[in-house]
C-alpha atoms as a PDB file:
ATOM      1  CA  MET A   1       0.000   0.000   0.000  1.00  0.00           C
ATOM      2  CA  PRO A   2       1.536   3.319  -1.025  1.00  0.00           C
ATOM      3  CA  THR A   3       2.089   6.056   1.492  1.00  0.00           C
ATOM      4  CA  TYR A   4       1.785   9.711   0.663  1.00  0.00           C
ATOM      5  CA  SER A   5       3.245  12.909   1.980  1.00  0.00           C
ATOM      6  CA  ILE A   6       1.810  16.379   1.593  1.00  0.00           C
ATOM      7  CA  ARG A   7       3.840  19.565   1.418  1.00  0.00           C
ATOM      8  CA  ASP A   8       3.632  23.131   0.202  1.00  0.00           C
ATOM      9  CA  ALA A   9       4.324  23.449  -3.506  1.00  0.00           C
ATOM     10  CA  ASP A  10       7.339  25.453  -4.591  1.00  0.00           C
ATOM     11  CA  TYR A  11       8.609  26.958  -7.820  1.00  0.00           C
ATOM     12  CA  ASP A  12      10.108  23.683  -9.060  1.00  0.00           C
ATOM     13  CA  ASP A  13       6.687  21.996  -8.763  1.00  0.00           C
ATOM     14  CA  ILE A  14       4.944  24.343 -11.187  1.00  0.00           C
ATOM     15  CA  PRO A  15       5.367  22.138 -14.335  1.00  0.00           C
ATOM     16  CA  ALA A  16       4.017  19.042 -12.534  1.00  0.00           C
ATOM     17  CA  VAL A  17       1.125  21.041 -11.078  1.00  0.00           C
ATOM     18  CA  ALA A  18       0.346  22.396 -14.547  1.00  0.00           C
ATOM     19  CA  ASP A  19       0.262  18.817 -15.885  1.00  0.00           C
ATOM     20  CA  LEU A  20      -2.247  17.861 -13.172  1.00  0.00           C
ATOM     21  CA  ALA A  21      -4.314  20.936 -14.030  1.00  0.00           C
ATOM     22  CA  LYS A  22      -4.476  19.797 -17.660  1.00  0.00           C
ATOM     23  CA  GLN A  23      -5.680  16.346 -16.628  1.00  0.00           C
ATOM     24  CA  PHE A  24      -8.216  17.922 -14.252  1.00  0.00           C
ATOM     25  CA  PHE A  25      -9.503  20.126 -17.096  1.00  0.00           C
ATOM     26  CA  ILE A  26      -9.899  17.179 -19.465  1.00  0.00           C
ATOM     27  CA  GLU A  27     -11.523  14.910 -16.895  1.00  0.00           C
ATOM     28  CA  THR A  28     -14.033  17.400 -15.506  1.00  0.00           C
ATOM     29  CA  ARG A  29     -16.840  19.232 -17.170  1.00  0.00           C
ATOM     30  CA  LEU A  30     -14.658  22.343 -17.438  1.00  0.00           C
ATOM     31  CA  SER A  31     -13.787  21.124 -20.910  1.00  0.00           C
ATOM     32  CA  MET A  32     -17.397  22.020 -21.845  1.00  0.00           C
ATOM     33  CA  LEU A  33     -16.224  25.612 -21.938  1.00  0.00           C
ATOM     34  CA  GLY A  34     -14.291  24.836 -25.098  1.00  0.00           C
ATOM     35  CA  GLY A  35     -10.931  26.178 -26.071  1.00  0.00           C
ATOM     36  CA  ILE A  36      -7.666  24.843 -24.809  1.00  0.00           C
ATOM     37  CA  LEU A  37      -5.915  25.137 -21.507  1.00  0.00           C
ATOM     38  CA  ASP A  38      -3.172  27.727 -21.800  1.00  0.00           C
ATOM     39  CA  ASP A  39       0.018  26.282 -20.265  1.00  0.00           C
ATOM     40  CA  ARG A  40       1.542  29.678 -19.524  1.00  0.00           C
ATOM     41  CA  MET A  41      -1.610  30.927 -17.817  1.00  0.00           C
ATOM     42  CA  VAL A  42      -1.838  27.801 -15.641  1.00  0.00           C
ATOM     43  CA  GLU A  43       1.813  28.161 -14.635  1.00  0.00           C
ATOM     44  CA  ASP A  44       1.375  31.881 -13.854  1.00  0.00           C
ATOM     45  CA  LEU A  45      -1.764  31.271 -11.775  1.00  0.00           C
ATOM     46  CA  THR A  46      -0.046  28.437  -9.898  1.00  0.00           C
ATOM     47  CA  ALA A  47       2.926  30.687  -9.130  1.00  0.00           C
ATOM     48  CA  ASP A  48       0.541  33.410  -7.934  1.00  0.00           C
ATOM     49  CA  LEU A  49      -1.192  31.009  -5.541  1.00  0.00           C
ATOM     50  CA  ILE A  50       2.147  29.708  -4.240  1.00  0.00           C
ATOM     51  CA  TYR A  51       3.592  33.137  -3.522  1.00  0.00           C
ATOM     52  CA  MET A  52       0.614  35.358  -2.629  1.00  0.00           C
ATOM     53  CA  ASP A  53      -0.210  35.944   1.029  1.00  0.00           C
ATOM     54  CA  ASP A  54      -3.811  34.752   0.637  1.00  0.00           C
ATOM     55  CA  GLY A  55      -3.091  31.717  -1.536  1.00  0.00           C
ATOM     56  CA  MET A  56      -1.668  28.225  -1.243  1.00  0.00           C
ATOM     57  CA  VAL A  57      -0.882  25.134  -3.253  1.00  0.00           C
ATOM     58  CA  LYS A  58      -0.187  21.804  -1.573  1.00  0.00           C
ATOM     59  CA  VAL A  59       0.965  18.706  -3.407  1.00  0.00           C
ATOM     60  CA  GLY A  60       0.549  15.016  -2.631  1.00  0.00           C
ATOM     61  CA  ILE A  61       3.701  12.984  -3.225  1.00  0.00           C
ATOM     62  CA  ASP A  62       3.795   9.201  -3.685  1.00  0.00           C
ATOM     63  CA  ASN A  63       6.530   6.780  -2.555  1.00  0.00           C
ATOM     64  CA  SER A  64       8.578   7.462  -5.685  1.00  0.00           C
ATOM     65  CA  GLY A  65       8.577  11.228  -5.117  1.00  0.00           C
ATOM     66  CA  ARG A  66       6.093  11.935  -7.928  1.00  0.00           C
ATOM     67  CA  ILE A  67       3.391  14.581  -7.511  1.00  0.00           C
ATOM     68  CA  VAL A  68       0.094  12.693  -7.855  1.00  0.00           C
ATOM     69  CA  GLY A  69      -2.363  15.091  -6.220  1.00  0.00           C
ATOM     70  CA  ILE A  70      -2.957  18.763  -5.582  1.00  0.00           C
ATOM     71  CA  VAL A  71      -5.145  21.112  -3.634  1.00  0.00           C
ATOM     72  CA  SER A  72      -5.077  24.871  -3.951  1.00  0.00           C
ATOM     73  CA  GLY A  73      -6.774  27.572  -1.952  1.00  0.00           C
ATOM     74  CA  ILE A  74      -7.352  31.291  -1.884  1.00  0.00           C
ATOM     75  CA  LEU A  75      -8.866  33.507   0.793  1.00  0.00           C
ATOM     76  CA  ILE A  76     -11.722  35.641  -0.470  1.00  0.00           C
ATOM     77  CA  GLY A  77     -14.146  38.197   0.887  1.00  0.00           C
ATOM     78  CA  HIS A  78     -17.756  38.415  -0.140  1.00  0.00           C
ATOM     79  CA  MET A  79     -18.966  41.244  -2.352  1.00  0.00           C
ATOM     80  CA  LEU A  80     -22.238  41.653  -0.430  1.00  0.00           C
ATOM     81  CA  PHE A  81     -21.174  41.592   3.206  1.00  0.00           C
ATOM     82  CA  ALA A  82     -18.249  42.326   5.444  1.00  0.00           C
ATOM     83  CA  GLY A  83     -16.926  39.588   7.659  1.00  0.00           C
ATOM     84  CA  PRO A  84     -14.174  37.062   7.932  1.00  0.00           C
ATOM     85  CA  LYS A  85     -12.578  35.802   4.787  1.00  0.00           C
ATOM     86  CA  VAL A  86     -13.665  32.467   3.370  1.00  0.00           C
ATOM     87  CA  ALA A  87     -11.359  29.847   1.867  1.00  0.00           C
ATOM     88  CA  GLN A  88     -12.140  28.914  -1.737  1.00  0.00           C
ATOM     89  CA  GLU A  89     -10.667  25.813  -3.382  1.00  0.00           C
ATOM     90  CA  PRO A  90      -9.863  26.424  -7.069  1.00  0.00           C
ATOM     91  CA  MET A  91      -8.530  22.897  -7.666  1.00  0.00           C
ATOM     92  CA  TRP A  92      -8.545  19.628  -5.756  1.00  0.00           C
ATOM     93  CA  TYR A  93      -7.397  16.704  -7.862  1.00  0.00           C
ATOM     94  CA  VAL A  94      -5.806  13.274  -7.496  1.00  0.00           C
ATOM     95  CA  LEU A  95      -4.656  11.161 -10.427  1.00  0.00           C
ATOM     96  CA  PRO A  96      -7.108   8.304 -11.119  1.00  0.00           C
ATOM     97  CA  ASP A  97      -4.682   5.513 -10.160  1.00  0.00           C
ATOM     98  CA  HIS A  98      -4.170   7.104  -6.715  1.00  0.00           C
ATOM     99  CA  ARG A  99      -7.832   7.571  -5.825  1.00  0.00           C
ATOM    100  CA  ASN A 100      -9.388   5.492  -3.050  1.00  0.00           C
ATOM    101  CA  SER A 101      -6.087   5.801  -1.208  1.00  0.00           C
ATOM    102  CA  LYS A 102      -7.143   8.551   1.225  1.00  0.00           C
ATOM    103  CA  LEU A 103      -4.777  11.008  -0.488  1.00  0.00           C
ATOM    104  CA  GLY A 104      -7.725  13.166  -1.560  1.00  0.00           C
ATOM    105  CA  LEU A 105      -8.950  13.302   2.039  1.00  0.00           C
ATOM    106  CA  LYS A 106      -5.475  14.202   3.289  1.00  0.00           C
ATOM    107  CA  LEU A 107      -5.230  17.004   0.754  1.00  0.00           C
ATOM    108  CA  LEU A 108      -8.667  18.313   1.734  1.00  0.00           C
ATOM    109  CA  LYS A 109      -7.692  18.251   5.416  1.00  0.00           C
ATOM    110  CA  ALA A 110      -4.503  20.183   4.586  1.00  0.00           C
ATOM    111  CA  TYR A 111      -6.670  22.794   2.819  1.00  0.00           C
ATOM    112  CA  GLU A 112      -9.013  23.038   5.819  1.00  0.00           C
ATOM    113  CA  ASP A 113      -6.075  23.323   8.253  1.00  0.00           C
ATOM    114  CA  TRP A 114      -4.538  26.080   6.125  1.00  0.00           C
ATOM    115  CA  ALA A 115      -7.849  27.982   6.130  1.00  0.00           C
ATOM    116  CA  ARG A 116      -8.384  27.507   9.866  1.00  0.00           C
ATOM    117  CA  ASP A 117      -4.849  28.751  10.585  1.00  0.00           C
ATOM    118  CA  ARG A 118      -5.725  31.953   8.720  1.00  0.00           C
ATOM    119  CA  GLY A 119      -8.869  32.617  10.725  1.00  0.00           C
ATOM    120  CA  CYS A 120     -11.437  31.342   8.240  1.00  0.00           C
ATOM    121  CA  LYS A 121     -14.728  30.092   9.611  1.00  0.00           C
ATOM    122  CA  HIS A 122     -15.790  28.478   6.330  1.00  0.00           C
ATOM    123  CA  CYS A 123     -14.259  26.562   3.428  1.00  0.00           C
ATOM    124  CA  ILE A 124     -15.806  26.310  -0.007  1.00  0.00           C
ATOM    125  CA  VAL A 125     -15.201  23.219  -2.136  1.00  0.00           C
ATOM    126  CA  ASP A 126     -16.392  22.976  -5.719  1.00  0.00           C
ATOM    127  CA  CYS A 127     -17.699  19.610  -6.814  1.00  0.00           C
ATOM    128  CA  LEU A 128     -17.426  18.996 -10.531  1.00  0.00           C
ATOM    129  CA  ASP A 129     -17.826  15.237 -10.153  1.00  0.00           C
ATOM    130  CA  PRO A 130     -21.293  14.212  -8.934  1.00  0.00           C
ATOM    131  CA  SER A 131     -19.911  10.842  -7.789  1.00  0.00           C
ATOM    132  CA  ILE A 132     -18.130  12.491  -4.823  1.00  0.00           C
ATOM    133  CA  GLU A 133     -20.998  14.702  -3.636  1.00  0.00           C
ATOM    134  CA  GLY A 134     -21.897  12.113  -0.988  1.00  0.00           C
ATOM    135  CA  LEU A 135     -18.332  12.044   0.341  1.00  0.00           C
ATOM    136  CA  ILE A 136     -18.164  15.830   0.513  1.00  0.00           C
ATOM    137  CA  SER A 137     -21.483  15.910   2.391  1.00  0.00           C
ATOM    138  CA  LYS A 138     -20.243  13.257   4.854  1.00  0.00           C
ATOM    139  CA  LEU A 139     -17.253  15.505   5.569  1.00  0.00           C
ATOM    140  CA  GLY A 140     -19.626  18.219   6.784  1.00  0.00           C
ATOM    141  CA  TYR A 141     -19.957  20.344   3.654  1.00  0.00           C
ATOM    142  CA  LYS A 142     -23.414  21.599   2.708  1.00  0.00           C
ATOM    143  CA  ALA A 143     -24.627  22.420  -0.777  1.00  0.00           C
ATOM    144  CA  MET A 144     -24.645  26.181  -1.184  1.00  0.00           C
ATOM    145  CA  GLU A 145     -25.517  26.928  -4.790  1.00  0.00           C
ATOM    146  CA  ARG A 146     -25.837  25.300  -8.136  1.00  0.00           C
ATOM    147  CA  LYS A 147     -24.263  26.648 -11.310  1.00  0.00           C
ATOM    148  CA  PHE A 148     -25.592  26.297 -14.813  1.00  0.00           C
ATOM    149  CA  ILE A 149     -23.909  26.935 -18.149  1.00  0.00           C
ATOM    150  CA  LYS A 150     -25.362  27.782 -21.536  1.00  0.00           C
ATOM    151  CA  GLU A 151     -23.494  27.834 -24.804  1.00  0.00           C
ATOM    152  CA  LEU A 152     -24.081  31.054 -26.742  1.00  0.00           C
END
């Protein structure tokens, strides 16, 4: 049974994180938006999250030292009310052959710990895969809104 470690991403991780982002894009319904994933943009956004005060990227590493999972976070305010910042998860992804290994749960816990350490009272997790909605609910998350998309 493989073991995994989780650590903060650094500059050298950006290409591997970008590769995971591409796989995430292809596998999820984000590909419905059309177009292609811009490598440079993904790398720039990853670097921003790594180095900005209100952002983070954590990577899951397998026994061989390969990055096989990622979670990212950013602290946001709300445009309609003042109050504590909320943590928003832009990407939470584990390669298919490493799922059902608890790595995804470890990454999510690392995201929650990061948010808690920064004074957040709430975490937001997007769910693009309906098959994990039950798991997210069991972890204490509640459905907040539903998004729809229309091609124009």
